[in-house]
Amino acid sequence: MADDNGPGYKVGYRKPPIHSRFQKGQSGNRRGRRRSTLNHRTVLERTLLKPITVTEGGKPKKMIPLEIVIRQLINKAVKGDVRAAQWVARLGQQLAEASESGQSIEIIISPDESKY
């Protein structure tokens, strides 16, 4: 590069002007590639599967929110909440069908199913 600084240096293909070149040790893309936006499914999965600390029986315990929700749903069903009992029955049916076929269950919550 020492000979590029002379008065005979021609700017052209693969020869940028000296004043606009990257400085030594500095990358041309400091910020890097932009992060993509997350879709709803990814956000929901991350939220439901990230462990949180809850107090159970006076002792702190790490649990995932999905497990907490299912436990609360079962507790409501046991206390006599009919809608909760229907949800638990539907989840149990899906689990039984999935275990027979050897597949994993997928919990689908949609406005149409909430009426049952």
Protein backbone atom coordinates (compact mmCIF):
# COMPACT_ATOMS: atom_id res chain seq x y z
CA MET A 1 0.00 0.00 0.00
CA ALA A 2 2.95 2.29 0.43
CA ASP A 3 3.21 2.81 -3.33
CA ASP A 4 -0.57 3.51 -3.58
CA ASN A 5 -0.17 6.79 -1.72
CA GLY A 6 1.77 8.47 -4.51
CA PRO A 7 0.42 11.03 -6.96
CA GLY A 8 0.20 8.38 -9.71
CA TYR A 9 -2.42 6.28 -7.82
CA LYS A 10 -5.49 5.71 -9.98
CA VAL A 11 -8.90 5.16 -8.41
CA GLY A 12 -10.86 2.37 -10.08
CA TYR A 13 -11.97 -1.23 -9.81
CA ARG A 14 -10.80 -2.65 -6.45
CA LYS A 15 -8.85 0.56 -5.79
CA PRO A 16 -10.97 2.87 -3.62
CA PRO A 17 -9.90 6.39 -2.75
CA ILE A 18 -7.47 6.40 0.16
CA HIS A 19 -9.62 8.69 2.31
CA SER A 20 -12.61 6.32 2.17
CA ARG A 21 -10.83 3.02 2.88
CA PHE A 22 -11.43 1.07 6.07
CA GLN A 23 -8.96 1.89 8.80
CA LYS A 24 -6.61 -0.89 9.85
CA GLY A 25 -8.25 -3.31 12.30
CA GLN A 26 -11.74 -1.99 11.63
CA SER A 27 -14.40 -4.07 9.90
CA GLY A 28 -16.67 -2.68 7.26
CA ASN A 29 -19.79 -4.06 8.90
CA ARG A 30 -19.56 -3.08 12.55
CA ARG A 31 -23.19 -3.65 13.45
CA GLY A 32 -23.43 -6.99 11.68
CA ARG A 33 -26.50 -8.49 10.09
CA ARG A 34 -29.86 -7.32 11.41
CA ARG A 35 -31.76 -9.79 13.54
CA SER A 36 -34.90 -11.18 12.02
CA THR A 37 -38.24 -10.64 13.71
CA LEU A 38 -39.70 -13.48 15.74
CA ASN A 39 -43.00 -15.06 14.81
CA HIS A 40 -45.77 -15.69 17.33
CA ARG A 41 -45.05 -19.40 17.65
CA THR A 42 -41.40 -18.81 18.54
CA VAL A 43 -42.27 -16.19 21.14
CA LEU A 44 -44.93 -18.46 22.68
CA GLU A 45 -42.59 -21.47 22.78
CA ARG A 46 -39.80 -19.46 24.39
CA THR A 47 -42.18 -18.00 26.95
CA LEU A 48 -43.86 -21.29 27.86
CA LEU A 49 -40.62 -23.27 28.06
CA LYS A 50 -38.40 -20.80 29.94
CA PRO A 51 -38.05 -21.96 33.57
CA ILE A 52 -39.23 -19.62 36.29
CA THR A 53 -38.93 -19.90 40.07
CA VAL A 54 -42.13 -20.49 42.01
CA THR A 55 -42.74 -21.19 45.68
CA GLU A 56 -44.42 -24.52 46.31
CA GLY A 57 -44.91 -25.69 49.89
CA GLY A 58 -42.72 -22.86 51.15
CA LYS A 59 -39.75 -23.93 49.03
CA PRO A 60 -38.54 -22.32 45.80
CA LYS A 61 -38.79 -24.61 42.80
CA LYS A 62 -37.97 -24.09 39.11
CA MET A 63 -40.81 -24.95 36.75
CA ILE A 64 -41.81 -24.08 33.21
CA PRO A 65 -44.95 -21.93 32.83
CA LEU A 66 -46.66 -24.58 30.69
CA GLU A 67 -46.46 -27.04 33.58
CA ILE A 68 -47.80 -24.43 35.99
CA VAL A 69 -50.77 -23.69 33.74
CA ILE A 70 -51.60 -27.38 33.33
CA ARG A 71 -51.36 -27.95 37.11
CA GLN A 72 -53.70 -25.02 37.76
CA LEU A 73 -56.10 -26.30 35.13
CA ILE A 74 -56.17 -29.74 36.75
CA ASN A 75 -56.66 -28.20 40.22
CA LYS A 76 -59.65 -26.21 38.92
CA ALA A 77 -61.10 -29.33 37.30
CA VAL A 78 -60.77 -31.25 40.57
CA LYS A 79 -62.56 -28.45 42.46
CA GLY A 80 -65.54 -28.70 40.09
CA ASP A 81 -64.90 -26.17 37.30
CA VAL A 82 -66.72 -27.71 34.32
CA ARG A 83 -64.80 -25.86 31.60
CA ALA A 84 -61.48 -26.81 33.16
CA ALA A 85 -62.64 -30.42 33.37
CA GLN A 86 -63.51 -30.35 29.66
CA TRP A 87 -60.05 -29.00 28.84
CA VAL A 88 -58.38 -31.68 30.96
CA ALA A 89 -60.52 -34.38 29.34
CA ARG A 90 -59.61 -33.11 25.86
CA LEU A 91 -55.89 -33.01 26.73
CA GLY A 92 -56.11 -36.51 28.18
CA GLN A 93 -57.81 -37.76 25.03
CA GLN A 94 -55.11 -36.17 22.83
CA LEU A 95 -52.42 -37.73 25.01
CA ALA A 96 -54.05 -41.18 24.78
CA GLU A 97 -54.40 -40.93 20.99
CA ALA A 98 -50.82 -39.74 20.62
CA SER A 99 -49.42 -42.52 22.80
CA GLU A 100 -51.30 -45.13 20.74
CA SER A 101 -49.89 -43.81 17.48
CA GLY A 102 -46.44 -43.05 18.92
CA GLN A 103 -46.65 -39.33 18.13
CA SER A 104 -46.22 -36.27 20.33
CA ILE A 105 -49.29 -34.23 21.22
CA GLU A 106 -49.78 -30.71 20.00
CA ILE A 107 -51.98 -28.50 22.12
CA ILE A 108 -54.07 -26.31 19.86
CA ILE A 109 -55.98 -23.43 21.38
CA SER A 110 -58.33 -21.67 19.04
CA PRO A 111 -61.50 -19.62 19.52
CA ASP A 112 -63.63 -22.49 18.17
CA GLU A 113 -62.36 -24.95 20.79
CA SER A 114 -62.92 -22.58 23.72
CA LYS A 115 -66.72 -23.00 23.34
CA TYR A 116 -66.67 -26.70 24.30
